[in-house]
Amino acid sequence: MITTIAKRLVTVVPTLIGVVIVTFLLTRVLPGDPAVYFAGPAATPDSIAEVRKSLGLDRPLPEQFGRYISDLAHGNLGNSLSTGQPVVAEIRSRLPASAELTLFGLILSLVIAVPLGILAAIKQGSWIDHTCRVVATAGVSLPVFFTGLLLVYVFYFRLGWSPAPIGRLDAFASAPPTITGFYVIDSLVTGDFETFRAAFGQLLLPGATLAIFSLAPIARMTRASMLAVLASDFVRTARASGLANSTVILTYAFRNAMLPVITTLGMVFSFLLGANVLVEKVFAWPGIGSYAVEALIASDFAPVQGFVLAMAILYVALNLVIDILYGLIDPRVRLEG
């Protein structure tokens, strides 16, 4: 297993190098001139040139790239021109909010999609199977921002069951002491149940939006994988041996059906990190997605580059976790590695 992980880490290096190069070049060819933006609408050509010089944008592209790589080697992602703060500090402060939202949505979708997919495979053609198909179709058909706006309209505006979509906490609650950065967990650890209720209430609608978005692929893959395994010879042998139906389904069938589900889970998590950008804007969630969008609008290069690099590292870490899970579930993967 250690050898397999080491091989995966070696293959990661070219990927990260490519991400750094492509991100740097893309931010330079995007429409908009940060010097013009920060000089102001009444700026003269001389003042714009002065701002461009102070930002280092008047230097040749290879020299700018060399400075960028040098800063990366020292753990410096630059400073945001919009806020004046180091990008590393901004990402560090906003990443827990995005991670909490993404993980909550993923866990909520798993709790619903996996049992639904198993039941749909066991009772093929029943109303549960049809429900699974309807949920899967609706999940992939509705844009994530539309789902978020619809939930806000129904549960906040019409029914009044949900708090206002104004971020991680309402105006009357204060943030708990930072332990993990996840408000729900930190408030539970410190015993602040009032803050926990406020944080969980704010998290429910955006988390449900992401869960609806990710329900479809997980439920469909669980159903398809379970159908293939239930038709296998070893499952028929287990049934013929007189084993309990629950033992056959959970111990034998589901364990062998987990590998495709885990693969889908990794892809879904990657999609959720991208969908976070829209969900955070709809619910005023202070995560790195909304931070990157605001920086992109302002032609602020450093936060955009830091955001893309952080997402690339998360994707790499996610793929490594999936490889480890493969080895734990199926010993043949360890032997092949």
C-alpha atoms as a PDB file:
ATOM      1  CA  MET A   1       0.000   0.000   0.000  1.00  0.00           C
ATOM      2  CA  ILE A   2       2.837   2.423   0.848  1.00  0.00           C
ATOM      3  CA  THR A   3       4.462   1.689  -2.510  1.00  0.00           C
ATOM      4  CA  THR A   4       1.178   2.387  -4.302  1.00  0.00           C
ATOM      5  CA  ILE A   5       0.753   5.713  -2.492  1.00  0.00           C
ATOM      6  CA  ALA A   6       4.358   6.685  -3.324  1.00  0.00           C
ATOM      7  CA  LYS A   7       3.773   5.937  -7.016  1.00  0.00           C
ATOM      8  CA  ARG A   8       0.615   8.040  -7.013  1.00  0.00           C
ATOM      9  CA  LEU A   9       2.448  10.955  -5.388  1.00  0.00           C
ATOM     10  CA  VAL A  10       5.174  10.824  -8.036  1.00  0.00           C
ATOM     11  CA  THR A  11       2.598  11.083 -10.825  1.00  0.00           C
ATOM     12  CA  VAL A  12       1.026  14.078  -9.090  1.00  0.00           C
ATOM     13  CA  VAL A  13       4.038  16.354  -9.597  1.00  0.00           C
ATOM     14  CA  PRO A  14       3.599  16.856 -13.389  1.00  0.00           C
ATOM     15  CA  THR A  15      -0.094  17.533 -12.831  1.00  0.00           C
ATOM     16  CA  LEU A  16       0.562  20.312 -10.333  1.00  0.00           C
ATOM     17  CA  ILE A  17       3.269  21.806 -12.560  1.00  0.00           C
ATOM     18  CA  GLY A  18       0.814  21.872 -15.464  1.00  0.00           C
ATOM     19  CA  VAL A  19      -1.850  23.492 -13.287  1.00  0.00           C
ATOM     20  CA  VAL A  20       0.565  26.231 -12.204  1.00  0.00           C
ATOM     21  CA  ILE A  21       1.616  27.009 -15.797  1.00  0.00           C
ATOM     22  CA  VAL A  22      -1.912  26.963 -17.248  1.00  0.00           C
ATOM     23  CA  THR A  23      -3.336  29.054 -14.409  1.00  0.00           C
ATOM     24  CA  PHE A  24      -0.628  31.692 -14.760  1.00  0.00           C
ATOM     25  CA  LEU A  25      -1.117  31.966 -18.530  1.00  0.00           C
ATOM     26  CA  LEU A  26      -4.922  32.021 -18.344  1.00  0.00           C
ATOM     27  CA  THR A  27      -5.006  34.878 -15.849  1.00  0.00           C
ATOM     28  CA  ARG A  28      -2.824  36.888 -18.231  1.00  0.00           C
ATOM     29  CA  VAL A  29      -5.049  36.383 -21.282  1.00  0.00           C
ATOM     30  CA  LEU A  30      -8.417  36.918 -19.553  1.00  0.00           C
ATOM     31  CA  PRO A  31     -10.306  40.083 -20.552  1.00  0.00           C
ATOM     32  CA  GLY A  32      -9.726  43.099 -18.351  1.00  0.00           C
ATOM     33  CA  ASP A  33      -6.694  44.998 -17.173  1.00  0.00           C
ATOM     34  CA  PRO A  34      -6.152  45.060 -13.398  1.00  0.00           C
ATOM     35  CA  ALA A  35      -4.156  48.282 -13.749  1.00  0.00           C
ATOM     36  CA  VAL A  36      -7.146  50.028 -15.351  1.00  0.00           C
ATOM     37  CA  TYR A  37      -9.521  48.605 -12.743  1.00  0.00           C
ATOM     38  CA  PHE A  38      -7.488  49.730  -9.740  1.00  0.00           C
ATOM     39  CA  ALA A  39      -6.467  53.068 -11.231  1.00  0.00           C
ATOM     40  CA  GLY A  40     -10.135  54.062 -11.357  1.00  0.00           C
ATOM     41  CA  PRO A  41     -12.464  55.322 -14.106  1.00  0.00           C
ATOM     42  CA  ALA A  42     -10.965  58.828 -14.107  1.00  0.00           C
ATOM     43  CA  ALA A  43      -7.349  57.672 -14.372  1.00  0.00           C
ATOM     44  CA  THR A  44      -5.022  59.082 -16.998  1.00  0.00           C
ATOM     45  CA  PRO A  45      -2.755  56.916 -19.187  1.00  0.00           C
ATOM     46  CA  ASP A  46       0.226  57.987 -17.063  1.00  0.00           C
ATOM     47  CA  SER A  47      -1.438  56.911 -13.823  1.00  0.00           C
ATOM     48  CA  ILE A  48      -2.490  53.594 -15.380  1.00  0.00           C
ATOM     49  CA  ALA A  49       1.088  53.008 -16.486  1.00  0.00           C
ATOM     50  CA  GLU A  50       2.280  53.812 -12.969  1.00  0.00           C
ATOM     51  CA  VAL A  51      -0.152  51.294 -11.453  1.00  0.00           C
ATOM     52  CA  ARG A  52       0.892  48.680 -14.011  1.00  0.00           C
ATOM     53  CA  LYS A  53       4.523  49.240 -13.100  1.00  0.00           C
ATOM     54  CA  SER A  54       3.820  48.958  -9.371  1.00  0.00           C
ATOM     55  CA  LEU A  55       2.021  45.648  -9.992  1.00  0.00           C
ATOM     56  CA  GLY A  56       4.901  44.329 -12.053  1.00  0.00           C
ATOM     57  CA  LEU A  57       2.698  43.876 -15.120  1.00  0.00           C
ATOM     58  CA  ASP A  58       5.037  45.919 -17.317  1.00  0.00           C
ATOM     59  CA  ARG A  59       7.752  43.265 -17.116  1.00  0.00           C
ATOM     60  CA  PRO A  60       8.160  40.444 -19.654  1.00  0.00           C
ATOM     61  CA  LEU A  61       5.945  37.387 -19.152  1.00  0.00           C
ATOM     62  CA  PRO A  62       8.834  34.982 -18.429  1.00  0.00           C
ATOM     63  CA  GLU A  63      10.086  37.327 -15.709  1.00  0.00           C
ATOM     64  CA  GLN A  64       6.602  37.531 -14.164  1.00  0.00           C
ATOM     65  CA  PHE A  65       6.356  33.738 -14.229  1.00  0.00           C
ATOM     66  CA  GLY A  66       9.775  33.397 -12.615  1.00  0.00           C
ATOM     67  CA  ARG A  67       8.741  35.683  -9.766  1.00  0.00           C
ATOM     68  CA  TYR A  68       5.508  33.735  -9.363  1.00  0.00           C
ATOM     69  CA  ILE A  69       7.366  30.405  -9.099  1.00  0.00           C
ATOM     70  CA  SER A  70       9.840  31.918  -6.644  1.00  0.00           C
ATOM     71  CA  ASP A  71       6.990  33.131  -4.444  1.00  0.00           C
ATOM     72  CA  LEU A  72       5.301  29.710  -4.636  1.00  0.00           C
ATOM     73  CA  ALA A  73       8.497  28.023  -3.515  1.00  0.00           C
ATOM     74  CA  HIS A  74       8.427  30.205  -0.393  1.00  0.00           C
ATOM     75  CA  GLY A  75       4.717  29.489   0.269  1.00  0.00           C
ATOM     76  CA  ASN A  76       3.670  32.933  -0.889  1.00  0.00           C
ATOM     77  CA  LEU A  77       0.636  33.207  -3.169  1.00  0.00           C
ATOM     78  CA  GLY A  78       0.836  36.986  -3.277  1.00  0.00           C
ATOM     79  CA  ASN A  79      -1.515  39.626  -1.934  1.00  0.00           C
ATOM     80  CA  SER A  80      -5.049  40.331  -3.050  1.00  0.00           C
ATOM     81  CA  LEU A  81      -5.274  43.732  -4.698  1.00  0.00           C
ATOM     82  CA  SER A  82      -8.933  44.025  -3.671  1.00  0.00           C
ATOM     83  CA  THR A  83      -8.501  43.408   0.063  1.00  0.00           C
ATOM     84  CA  GLY A  84      -4.766  44.000   0.509  1.00  0.00           C
ATOM     85  CA  GLN A  85      -4.502  40.738   2.483  1.00  0.00           C
ATOM     86  CA  PRO A  86      -2.213  37.756   1.735  1.00  0.00           C
ATOM     87  CA  VAL A  87      -3.984  35.212  -0.440  1.00  0.00           C
ATOM     88  CA  VAL A  88      -2.778  32.337   1.782  1.00  0.00           C
ATOM     89  CA  ALA A  89      -4.452  33.918   4.813  1.00  0.00           C
ATOM     90  CA  GLU A  90      -7.666  34.580   2.873  1.00  0.00           C
ATOM     91  CA  ILE A  91      -7.859  30.988   1.598  1.00  0.00           C
ATOM     92  CA  ARG A  92      -7.020  29.589   5.039  1.00  0.00           C
ATOM     93  CA  SER A  93      -9.841  31.580   6.625  1.00  0.00           C
ATOM     94  CA  ARG A  94     -12.421  30.772   3.921  1.00  0.00           C
ATOM     95  CA  LEU A  95     -11.580  27.138   3.136  1.00  0.00           C
ATOM     96  CA  PRO A  96     -13.298  25.677   6.247  1.00  0.00           C
ATOM     97  CA  ALA A  97     -16.578  27.317   5.212  1.00  0.00           C
ATOM     98  CA  SER A  98     -16.432  25.740   1.746  1.00  0.00           C
ATOM     99  CA  ALA A  99     -15.290  22.384   3.141  1.00  0.00           C
ATOM    100  CA  GLU A 100     -18.088  22.316   5.727  1.00  0.00           C
ATOM    101  CA  LEU A 101     -20.708  23.059   3.087  1.00  0.00           C
ATOM    102  CA  THR A 102     -19.334  20.527   0.589  1.00  0.00           C
ATOM    103  CA  LEU A 103     -18.937  17.706   3.107  1.00  0.00           C
ATOM    104  CA  PHE A 104     -22.392  18.290   4.568  1.00  0.00           C
ATOM    105  CA  GLY A 105     -23.978  18.164   1.121  1.00  0.00           C
ATOM    106  CA  LEU A 106     -22.014  15.030   0.232  1.00  0.00           C
ATOM    107  CA  ILE A 107     -22.877  13.220   3.470  1.00  0.00           C
ATOM    108  CA  LEU A 108     -26.551  14.178   3.134  1.00  0.00           C
ATOM    109  CA  SER A 109     -26.651  12.846  -0.428  1.00  0.00           C
ATOM    110  CA  LEU A 110     -24.922   9.611   0.627  1.00  0.00           C
ATOM    111  CA  VAL A 111     -27.413   9.009   3.433  1.00  0.00           C
ATOM    112  CA  ILE A 112     -30.252   9.232   0.912  1.00  0.00           C
ATOM    113  CA  ALA A 113     -28.754   8.007  -2.371  1.00  0.00           C
ATOM    114  CA  VAL A 114     -27.003   4.790  -1.261  1.00  0.00           C
ATOM    115  CA  PRO A 115     -30.027   3.201   0.520  1.00  0.00           C
ATOM    116  CA  LEU A 116     -32.264   4.394  -2.319  1.00  0.00           C
ATOM    117  CA  GLY A 117     -29.999   2.803  -4.934  1.00  0.00           C
ATOM    118  CA  ILE A 118     -29.800  -0.480  -2.987  1.00  0.00           C
ATOM    119  CA  LEU A 119     -33.566  -0.679  -2.528  1.00  0.00           C
ATOM    120  CA  ALA A 120     -34.144   0.194  -6.204  1.00  0.00           C
ATOM    121  CA  ALA A 121     -31.849  -2.670  -7.246  1.00  0.00           C
ATOM    122  CA  ILE A 122     -33.452  -5.168  -4.853  1.00  0.00           C
ATOM    123  CA  LYS A 123     -37.024  -4.208  -5.819  1.00  0.00           C
ATOM    124  CA  GLN A 124     -36.487  -3.623  -9.509  1.00  0.00           C
ATOM    125  CA  GLY A 125     -39.614  -2.302 -11.245  1.00  0.00           C
ATOM    126  CA  SER A 126     -41.309  -1.275  -7.982  1.00  0.00           C
ATOM    127  CA  TRP A 127     -42.362   2.221  -6.917  1.00  0.00           C
ATOM    128  CA  ILE A 128     -39.010   2.595  -5.122  1.00  0.00           C
ATOM    129  CA  ASP A 129     -37.191   1.909  -8.383  1.00  0.00           C
ATOM    130  CA  HIS A 130     -39.334   4.469 -10.197  1.00  0.00           C
ATOM    131  CA  THR A 131     -38.727   6.982  -7.399  1.00  0.00           C
ATOM    132  CA  CYS A 132     -34.980   6.464  -7.770  1.00  0.00           C
ATOM    133  CA  ARG A 133     -35.213   7.165 -11.496  1.00  0.00           C
ATOM    134  CA  VAL A 134     -37.300  10.310 -10.954  1.00  0.00           C
ATOM    135  CA  VAL A 135     -34.884  11.617  -8.309  1.00  0.00           C
ATOM    136  CA  ALA A 136     -31.902  10.877 -10.541  1.00  0.00           C
ATOM    137  CA  THR A 137     -33.499  12.614 -13.534  1.00  0.00           C
ATOM    138  CA  ALA A 138     -34.521  15.665 -11.496  1.00  0.00           C
ATOM    139  CA  GLY A 139     -31.086  15.925  -9.888  1.00  0.00           C
ATOM    140  CA  VAL A 140     -29.218  16.088 -13.191  1.00  0.00           C
ATOM    141  CA  SER A 141     -31.835  18.293 -14.887  1.00  0.00           C
ATOM    142  CA  LEU A 142     -32.023  21.180 -12.402  1.00  0.00           C
ATOM    143  CA  PRO A 143     -29.161  23.703 -12.407  1.00  0.00           C
ATOM    144  CA  VAL A 144     -27.686  24.038  -8.939  1.00  0.00           C
ATOM    145  CA  PHE A 145     -28.318  27.793  -8.706  1.00  0.00           C
ATOM    146  CA  PHE A 146     -31.986  27.282  -9.688  1.00  0.00           C
ATOM    147  CA  THR A 147     -32.386  24.599  -7.018  1.00  0.00           C
ATOM    148  CA  GLY A 148     -30.895  26.944  -4.424  1.00  0.00           C
ATOM    149  CA  LEU A 149     -33.163  29.838  -5.398  1.00  0.00           C
ATOM    150  CA  LEU A 150     -36.189  27.513  -5.405  1.00  0.00           C
ATOM    151  CA  LEU A 151     -35.414  26.237  -1.900  1.00  0.00           C
ATOM    152  CA  VAL A 152     -34.937  29.803  -0.643  1.00  0.00           C
ATOM    153  CA  TYR A 153     -38.261  30.848  -2.174  1.00  0.00           C
ATOM    154  CA  VAL A 154     -40.210  27.916  -0.726  1.00  0.00           C
ATOM    155  CA  PHE A 155     -38.663  27.406   2.705  1.00  0.00           C
ATOM    156  CA  TYR A 156     -37.630  30.981   3.569  1.00  0.00           C
ATOM    157  CA  PHE A 157     -39.906  33.328   1.637  1.00  0.00           C
ATOM    158  CA  ARG A 158     -43.132  31.317   1.484  1.00  0.00           C
ATOM    159  CA  LEU A 159     -43.070  29.019   4.539  1.00  0.00           C
ATOM    160  CA  GLY A 160     -40.664  30.894   6.811  1.00  0.00           C
ATOM    161  CA  TRP A 161     -39.111  27.645   8.077  1.00  0.00           C
ATOM    162  CA  SER A 162     -35.542  28.525   7.153  1.00  0.00           C
ATOM    163  CA  PRO A 163     -33.419  31.499   8.283  1.00  0.00           C
ATOM    164  CA  ALA A 164     -32.405  34.195   5.844  1.00  0.00           C
ATOM    165  CA  PRO A 165     -29.644  33.107   3.417  1.00  0.00           C
ATOM    166  CA  ILE A 166     -27.027  35.544   4.720  1.00  0.00           C
ATOM    167  CA  GLY A 167     -24.000  33.340   5.371  1.00  0.00           C
ATOM    168  CA  ARG A 168     -22.850  30.869   8.006  1.00  0.00           C
ATOM    169  CA  LEU A 169     -24.598  32.552  10.963  1.00  0.00           C
ATOM    170  CA  ASP A 170     -27.514  34.910  11.423  1.00  0.00           C
ATOM    171  CA  ALA A 171     -27.075  38.438  12.701  1.00  0.00           C
ATOM    172  CA  PHE A 172     -27.746  37.488  16.330  1.00  0.00           C
ATOM    173  CA  ALA A 173     -25.217  34.642  16.651  1.00  0.00           C
ATOM    174  CA  SER A 174     -21.462  34.836  17.148  1.00  0.00           C
ATOM    175  CA  ALA A 175     -18.881  32.467  15.742  1.00  0.00           C
ATOM    176  CA  PRO A 176     -17.681  29.687  18.099  1.00  0.00           C
ATOM    177  CA  PRO A 177     -14.004  29.389  19.097  1.00  0.00           C
ATOM    178  CA  THR A 178     -11.999  28.035  16.171  1.00  0.00           C
ATOM    179  CA  ILE A 179     -11.045  24.378  16.608  1.00  0.00           C
ATOM    180  CA  THR A 180     -11.713  22.759  13.251  1.00  0.00           C
ATOM    181  CA  GLY A 181     -13.109  25.795  11.440  1.00  0.00           C
ATOM    182  CA  PHE A 182     -16.440  23.989  11.009  1.00  0.00           C
ATOM    183  CA  TYR A 183     -19.032  25.991  12.938  1.00  0.00           C
ATOM    184  CA  VAL A 184     -21.322  22.992  13.497  1.00  0.00           C
ATOM    185  CA  ILE A 185     -18.525  20.851  14.966  1.00  0.00           C
ATOM    186  CA  ASP A 186     -16.846  23.655  16.931  1.00  0.00           C
ATOM    187  CA  SER A 187     -20.104  24.727  18.555  1.00  0.00           C
ATOM    188  CA  LEU A 188     -20.830  21.124  19.591  1.00  0.00           C
ATOM    189  CA  VAL A 189     -17.335  20.629  21.001  1.00  0.00           C
ATOM    190  CA  THR A 190     -17.593  23.804  23.067  1.00  0.00           C
ATOM    191  CA  GLY A 191     -21.146  22.996  24.174  1.00  0.00           C
ATOM    192  CA  ASP A 192     -22.646  26.112  22.570  1.00  0.00           C
ATOM    193  CA  PHE A 193     -25.924  24.595  21.409  1.00  0.00           C
ATOM    194  CA  GLU A 194     -27.472  27.957  20.547  1.00  0.00           C
ATOM    195  CA  THR A 195     -24.720  28.614  18.017  1.00  0.00           C
ATOM    196  CA  PHE A 196     -25.027  25.012  16.810  1.00  0.00           C
ATOM    197  CA  ARG A 197     -28.707  25.508  16.028  1.00  0.00           C
ATOM    198  CA  ALA A 198     -27.974  28.773  14.246  1.00  0.00           C
ATOM    199  CA  ALA A 199     -25.077  27.281  12.229  1.00  0.00           C
ATOM    200  CA  PHE A 200     -27.002  24.133  11.335  1.00  0.00           C
ATOM    201  CA  GLY A 201     -30.034  26.168  10.280  1.00  0.00           C
ATOM    202  CA  GLN A 202     -27.899  28.271   7.949  1.00  0.00           C
ATOM    203  CA  LEU A 203     -26.159  25.152   6.600  1.00  0.00           C
ATOM    204  CA  LEU A 204     -29.303  23.143   5.852  1.00  0.00           C
ATOM    205  CA  LEU A 205     -30.567  24.841   2.678  1.00  0.00           C
ATOM    206  CA  PRO A 206     -27.235  25.250   0.841  1.00  0.00           C
ATOM    207  CA  GLY A 207     -26.275  21.727   1.919  1.00  0.00           C
ATOM    208  CA  ALA A 208     -29.582  20.384   0.602  1.00  0.00           C
ATOM    209  CA  THR A 209     -28.942  22.214  -2.678  1.00  0.00           C
ATOM    210  CA  LEU A 210     -25.624  20.420  -3.122  1.00  0.00           C
ATOM    211  CA  ALA A 211     -27.162  17.128  -1.960  1.00  0.00           C
ATOM    212  CA  ILE A 212     -29.880  17.288  -4.624  1.00  0.00           C
ATOM    213  CA  PHE A 213     -27.202  18.018  -7.219  1.00  0.00           C
ATOM    214  CA  SER A 214     -25.107  14.983  -6.177  1.00  0.00           C
ATOM    215  CA  LEU A 215     -27.969  12.561  -5.462  1.00  0.00           C
ATOM    216  CA  ALA A 216     -28.471  11.553  -9.067  1.00  0.00           C
ATOM    217  CA  PRO A 217     -25.069  10.073 -10.021  1.00  0.00           C
ATOM    218  CA  ILE A 218     -24.610   8.303  -6.666  1.00  0.00           C
ATOM    219  CA  ALA A 219     -28.084   6.738  -6.682  1.00  0.00           C
ATOM    220  CA  ARG A 220     -27.842   5.667 -10.319  1.00  0.00           C
ATOM    221  CA  MET A 221     -24.377   4.136  -9.912  1.00  0.00           C
ATOM    222  CA  THR A 222     -25.388   2.344  -6.693  1.00  0.00           C
ATOM    223  CA  ARG A 223     -28.434   0.867  -8.410  1.00  0.00           C
ATOM    224  CA  ALA A 224     -26.520  -0.204 -11.542  1.00  0.00           C
ATOM    225  CA  SER A 225     -23.628  -1.670  -9.577  1.00  0.00           C
ATOM    226  CA  MET A 226     -25.926  -3.570  -7.219  1.00  0.00           C
ATOM    227  CA  LEU A 227     -27.928  -4.982 -10.139  1.00  0.00           C
ATOM    228  CA  ALA A 228     -24.733  -6.316 -11.719  1.00  0.00           C
ATOM    229  CA  VAL A 229     -23.519  -7.874  -8.461  1.00  0.00           C
ATOM    230  CA  LEU A 230     -26.893  -9.392  -7.525  1.00  0.00           C
ATOM    231  CA  ALA A 231     -26.847 -11.283 -10.820  1.00  0.00           C
ATOM    232  CA  SER A 232     -23.428 -12.808 -10.036  1.00  0.00           C
ATOM    233  CA  ASP A 233     -22.844 -16.486  -9.325  1.00  0.00           C
ATOM    234  CA  PHE A 234     -21.420 -15.939  -5.830  1.00  0.00           C
ATOM    235  CA  VAL A 235     -24.589 -14.115  -4.753  1.00  0.00           C
ATOM    236  CA  ARG A 236     -26.764 -16.956  -6.015  1.00  0.00           C
ATOM    237  CA  THR A 237     -24.485 -19.395  -4.184  1.00  0.00           C
ATOM    238  CA  ALA A 238     -24.789 -17.376  -0.974  1.00  0.00           C
ATOM    239  CA  ARG A 239     -28.585 -17.397  -1.259  1.00  0.00           C
ATOM    240  CA  ALA A 240     -28.589 -21.142  -1.959  1.00  0.00           C
ATOM    241  CA  SER A 241     -26.452 -21.707   1.139  1.00  0.00           C
ATOM    242  CA  GLY A 242     -29.312 -20.416   3.267  1.00  0.00           C
ATOM    243  CA  LEU A 243     -27.723 -17.116   4.356  1.00  0.00           C
ATOM    244  CA  ALA A 244     -30.039 -14.345   5.527  1.00  0.00           C
ATOM    245  CA  ASN A 245     -31.114 -11.925   2.823  1.00  0.00           C
ATOM    246  CA  SER A 246     -29.644  -8.951   4.724  1.00  0.00           C
ATOM    247  CA  THR A 247     -26.290 -10.752   5.021  1.00  0.00           C
ATOM    248  CA  VAL A 248     -26.220 -11.532   1.303  1.00  0.00           C
ATOM    249  CA  ILE A 249     -27.060  -7.947   0.332  1.00  0.00           C
ATOM    250  CA  LEU A 250     -24.907  -5.991   2.785  1.00  0.00           C
ATOM    251  CA  THR A 251     -21.953  -8.335   3.391  1.00  0.00           C
ATOM    252  CA  TYR A 252     -21.524  -9.872  -0.045  1.00  0.00           C
ATOM    253  CA  ALA A 253     -23.326  -7.804  -2.671  1.00  0.00           C
ATOM    254  CA  PHE A 254     -22.822  -4.263  -1.434  1.00  0.00           C
ATOM    255  CA  ARG A 255     -19.139  -4.697  -0.594  1.00  0.00           C
ATOM    256  CA  ASN A 256     -18.450  -5.887  -4.136  1.00  0.00           C
ATOM    257  CA  ALA A 257     -20.561  -3.064  -5.558  1.00  0.00           C
ATOM    258  CA  MET A 258     -18.714  -0.355  -3.604  1.00  0.00           C
ATOM    259  CA  LEU A 259     -15.778   0.250  -5.972  1.00  0.00           C
ATOM    260  CA  PRO A 260     -17.830   1.903  -8.767  1.00  0.00           C
ATOM    261  CA  VAL A 261     -19.738   3.874  -6.128  1.00  0.00           C
ATOM    262  CA  ILE A 262     -16.499   5.172  -4.622  1.00  0.00           C
ATOM    263  CA  THR A 263     -15.266   6.166  -8.069  1.00  0.00           C
ATOM    264  CA  THR A 264     -18.500   8.079  -8.627  1.00  0.00           C
ATOM    265  CA  LEU A 265     -18.173   9.583  -5.156  1.00  0.00           C
ATOM    266  CA  GLY A 266     -14.780  11.019  -6.042  1.00  0.00           C
ATOM    267  CA  MET A 267     -16.116  12.599  -9.218  1.00  0.00           C
ATOM    268  CA  VAL A 268     -19.169  13.957  -7.418  1.00  0.00           C
ATOM    269  CA  PHE A 269     -16.989  15.552  -4.744  1.00  0.00           C
ATOM    270  CA  SER A 270     -14.987  17.246  -7.490  1.00  0.00           C
ATOM    271  CA  PHE A 271     -18.208  18.518  -9.081  1.00  0.00           C
ATOM    272  CA  LEU A 272     -19.417  19.800  -5.721  1.00  0.00           C
ATOM    273  CA  LEU A 273     -16.275  21.881  -5.262  1.00  0.00           C
ATOM    274  CA  GLY A 274     -17.104  23.574  -8.560  1.00  0.00           C
ATOM    275  CA  ALA A 275     -20.821  23.896  -7.785  1.00  0.00           C
ATOM    276  CA  ASN A 276     -19.872  25.582  -4.516  1.00  0.00           C
ATOM    277  CA  VAL A 277     -19.098  28.742  -6.470  1.00  0.00           C
ATOM    278  CA  LEU A 278     -22.744  29.197  -7.469  1.00  0.00           C
ATOM    279  CA  VAL A 279     -24.223  28.000  -4.180  1.00  0.00           C
ATOM    280  CA  GLU A 280     -22.018  30.337  -2.159  1.00  0.00           C
ATOM    281  CA  LYS A 281     -23.162  33.319  -4.232  1.00  0.00           C
ATOM    282  CA  VAL A 282     -26.848  32.366  -3.848  1.00  0.00           C
ATOM    283  CA  PHE A 283     -26.611  31.926  -0.068  1.00  0.00           C
ATOM    284  CA  ALA A 284     -23.951  34.636   0.608  1.00  0.00           C
ATOM    285  CA  TRP A 285     -21.685  31.889   1.944  1.00  0.00           C
ATOM    286  CA  PRO A 286     -18.198  33.250   2.767  1.00  0.00           C
ATOM    287  CA  GLY A 287     -16.196  30.473   1.097  1.00  0.00           C
ATOM    288  CA  ILE A 288     -13.340  30.418  -1.381  1.00  0.00           C
ATOM    289  CA  GLY A 289     -15.733  30.043  -4.316  1.00  0.00           C
ATOM    290  CA  SER A 290     -17.327  33.450  -3.813  1.00  0.00           C
ATOM    291  CA  TYR A 291     -13.862  34.848  -3.032  1.00  0.00           C
ATOM    292  CA  ALA A 292     -12.576  33.615  -6.405  1.00  0.00           C
ATOM    293  CA  VAL A 293     -15.577  35.015  -8.292  1.00  0.00           C
ATOM    294  CA  GLU A 294     -15.139  38.456  -6.743  1.00  0.00           C
ATOM    295  CA  ALA A 295     -11.423  38.375  -7.560  1.00  0.00           C
ATOM    296  CA  LEU A 296     -12.126  37.322 -11.156  1.00  0.00           C
ATOM    297  CA  ILE A 297     -14.559  40.201 -11.649  1.00  0.00           C
ATOM    298  CA  ALA A 298     -11.912  42.614 -10.353  1.00  0.00           C
ATOM    299  CA  SER A 299      -9.168  41.035 -12.540  1.00  0.00           C
ATOM    300  CA  ASP A 300      -7.294  40.260  -9.334  1.00  0.00           C
ATOM    301  CA  PHE A 301      -4.829  37.600 -10.463  1.00  0.00           C
ATOM    302  CA  ALA A 302      -3.371  36.351  -7.186  1.00  0.00           C
ATOM    303  CA  PRO A 303      -6.620  35.093  -5.546  1.00  0.00           C
ATOM    304  CA  VAL A 304      -7.712  33.366  -8.771  1.00  0.00           C
ATOM    305  CA  GLN A 305      -4.357  31.590  -9.052  1.00  0.00           C
ATOM    306  CA  GLY A 306      -4.470  30.634  -5.387  1.00  0.00           C
ATOM    307  CA  PHE A 307      -8.026  29.307  -5.738  1.00  0.00           C
ATOM    308  CA  VAL A 308      -7.177  27.122  -8.745  1.00  0.00           C
ATOM    309  CA  LEU A 309      -4.040  25.801  -7.063  1.00  0.00           C
ATOM    310  CA  ALA A 310      -5.976  24.994  -3.872  1.00  0.00           C
ATOM    311  CA  MET A 311      -8.637  23.148  -5.898  1.00  0.00           C
ATOM    312  CA  ALA A 312      -5.948  21.184  -7.741  1.00  0.00           C
ATOM    313  CA  ILE A 313      -4.363  20.107  -4.449  1.00  0.00           C
ATOM    314  CA  LEU A 314      -7.777  19.059  -3.111  1.00  0.00           C
ATOM    315  CA  TYR A 315      -8.441  16.998  -6.239  1.00  0.00           C
ATOM    316  CA  VAL A 316      -5.054  15.303  -5.923  1.00  0.00           C
ATOM    317  CA  ALA A 317      -5.668  14.536  -2.243  1.00  0.00           C
ATOM    318  CA  LEU A 318      -9.125  13.205  -3.092  1.00  0.00           C
ATOM    319  CA  ASN A 319      -7.743  10.836  -5.732  1.00  0.00           C
ATOM    320  CA  LEU A 320      -5.148   9.612  -3.243  1.00  0.00           C
ATOM    321  CA  VAL A 321      -7.859   8.895  -0.654  1.00  0.00           C
ATOM    322  CA  ILE A 322      -9.865   6.988  -3.282  1.00  0.00           C
ATOM    323  CA  ASP A 323      -6.809   4.862  -4.129  1.00  0.00           C
ATOM    324  CA  ILE A 324      -6.358   4.062  -0.439  1.00  0.00           C
ATOM    325  CA  LEU A 325     -10.044   3.119  -0.107  1.00  0.00           C
ATOM    326  CA  TYR A 326      -9.720   0.863  -3.136  1.00  0.00           C
ATOM    327  CA  GLY A 327      -6.900  -1.007  -1.415  1.00  0.00           C
ATOM    328  CA  LEU A 328      -8.855  -1.351   1.817  1.00  0.00           C
ATOM    329  CA  ILE A 329     -11.979  -2.660   0.094  1.00  0.00           C
ATOM    330  CA  ASP A 330     -10.365  -4.882  -2.546  1.00  0.00           C
ATOM    331  CA  PRO A 331      -7.011  -6.551  -1.715  1.00  0.00           C
ATOM    332  CA  ARG A 332      -6.430  -7.190  -5.423  1.00  0.00           C
ATOM    333  CA  VAL A 333      -5.835  -3.453  -5.898  1.00  0.00           C
ATOM    334  CA  ARG A 334      -2.977  -3.584  -3.368  1.00  0.00           C
ATOM    335  CA  LEU A 335      -1.420  -6.543  -5.146  1.00  0.00           C
ATOM    336  CA  GLU A 336      -1.664  -4.849  -8.548  1.00  0.00           C
ATOM    337  CA  GLY A 337      -0.116  -1.660  -7.117  1.00  0.00           C
END
